[in-house]
Amino acid sequence: MEHIVTVQDAVTAFADFVEPTAAELDAIERELPLITAEVELLDVQITTLDRPVTQLDARRIRRARRKVLAARRALTNRAAAVEVGA
């Protein structure tokens, strides 16, 4: 019979390093509009999986895609402005 040994000490030994750093949290906050837009696009696409796409659904998908593209453009422009200013 084999004994099951817990590995809690090995797992929790690095618990202090699991938390995100301030820089990582700032990066997430900067990318949050893009993340939100991508989630909204995914939600719209999921709602159309089990039924035929209507004209209203197509408009919602196009609007969500445009929102994702606008958020990507804004994030890219912000990053480029930071690089030029640096």
Protein backbone atom coordinates (compact mmCIF):
# COMPACT_ATOMS: atom_id res chain seq x y z
CA MET A 1 0.00 0.00 0.00
CA GLU A 2 1.38 3.39 -0.99
CA HIS A 3 0.87 6.42 1.19
CA ILE A 4 -0.25 9.66 -0.35
CA VAL A 5 1.97 12.47 0.82
CA THR A 6 0.71 16.02 0.72
CA VAL A 7 2.74 18.55 -1.15
CA GLN A 8 1.25 21.54 0.61
CA ASP A 9 4.65 22.71 1.88
CA ALA A 10 6.08 22.64 -1.63
CA VAL A 11 3.08 24.45 -3.09
CA THR A 12 2.73 27.11 -0.41
CA ALA A 13 6.46 27.73 -0.15
CA PHE A 14 6.16 30.22 -3.01
CA ALA A 15 2.86 31.78 -1.92
CA ASP A 16 4.47 35.21 -1.50
CA PHE A 17 5.52 35.19 -5.16
CA VAL A 18 2.11 34.22 -6.53
CA GLU A 19 0.61 37.70 -6.19
CA PRO A 20 0.95 39.98 -9.22
CA THR A 21 3.38 42.84 -8.97
CA ALA A 22 2.34 46.48 -9.20
CA ALA A 23 3.73 46.65 -12.74
CA GLU A 24 1.68 43.63 -13.79
CA LEU A 25 -1.46 45.13 -12.27
CA ASP A 26 -0.80 48.40 -14.12
CA ALA A 27 -0.39 46.51 -17.40
CA ILE A 28 -3.67 44.69 -16.82
CA GLU A 29 -5.41 47.96 -16.05
CA ARG A 30 -4.06 49.53 -19.25
CA GLU A 31 -5.31 46.55 -21.27
CA LEU A 32 -8.68 46.34 -19.50
CA PRO A 33 -10.68 48.18 -22.23
CA LEU A 34 -9.38 45.69 -24.81
CA ILE A 35 -10.07 42.72 -22.55
CA THR A 36 -13.61 43.97 -21.91
CA ALA A 37 -14.25 44.52 -25.63
CA GLU A 38 -12.98 41.03 -26.46
CA VAL A 39 -15.23 39.50 -23.79
CA GLU A 40 -18.22 41.38 -25.21
CA LEU A 41 -17.40 40.10 -28.71
CA LEU A 42 -17.15 36.57 -27.37
CA ASP A 43 -20.51 36.94 -25.60
CA VAL A 44 -22.17 38.07 -28.82
CA GLN A 45 -20.61 35.21 -30.77
CA ILE A 46 -21.71 32.68 -28.15
CA THR A 47 -25.31 33.89 -28.29
CA THR A 48 -25.41 33.16 -32.03
CA LEU A 49 -24.04 29.63 -31.81
CA ASP A 50 -27.33 27.81 -31.38
CA ARG A 51 -29.52 29.76 -33.79
CA PRO A 52 -29.40 31.34 -37.21
CA VAL A 53 -27.81 34.77 -37.29
CA THR A 54 -30.36 37.53 -37.76
CA GLN A 55 -29.66 41.01 -39.08
CA LEU A 56 -29.69 42.32 -35.52
CA ASP A 57 -27.14 39.66 -34.49
CA ALA A 58 -24.94 40.57 -37.44
CA ARG A 59 -25.05 44.23 -36.38
CA ARG A 60 -24.16 43.30 -32.82
CA ILE A 61 -21.20 41.23 -34.03
CA ARG A 62 -19.98 44.04 -36.30
CA ARG A 63 -20.34 46.58 -33.48
CA ALA A 64 -18.44 44.33 -31.07
CA ARG A 65 -15.66 43.75 -33.65
CA ARG A 66 -15.34 47.50 -34.24
CA LYS A 67 -15.11 48.04 -30.49
CA VAL A 68 -12.29 45.47 -30.26
CA LEU A 69 -10.44 47.09 -33.14
CA ALA A 70 -10.84 50.54 -31.60
CA ALA A 71 -9.55 49.30 -28.25
CA ARG A 72 -6.55 47.63 -29.94
CA ARG A 73 -5.81 50.80 -31.88
CA ALA A 74 -6.00 52.93 -28.73
CA LEU A 75 -3.74 50.54 -26.83
CA THR A 76 -1.22 50.43 -29.68
CA ASN A 77 -1.23 54.21 -30.07
CA ARG A 78 -0.73 54.64 -26.33
CA ALA A 79 2.21 52.21 -26.37
CA ALA A 80 3.74 53.96 -29.38
CA ALA A 81 3.36 57.35 -27.70
CA VAL A 82 5.14 56.03 -24.61
CA GLU A 83 8.01 54.65 -26.73
CA VAL A 84 8.40 57.90 -28.67
CA GLY A 85 8.29 59.94 -25.48
CA ALA A 86 10.88 57.73 -23.79
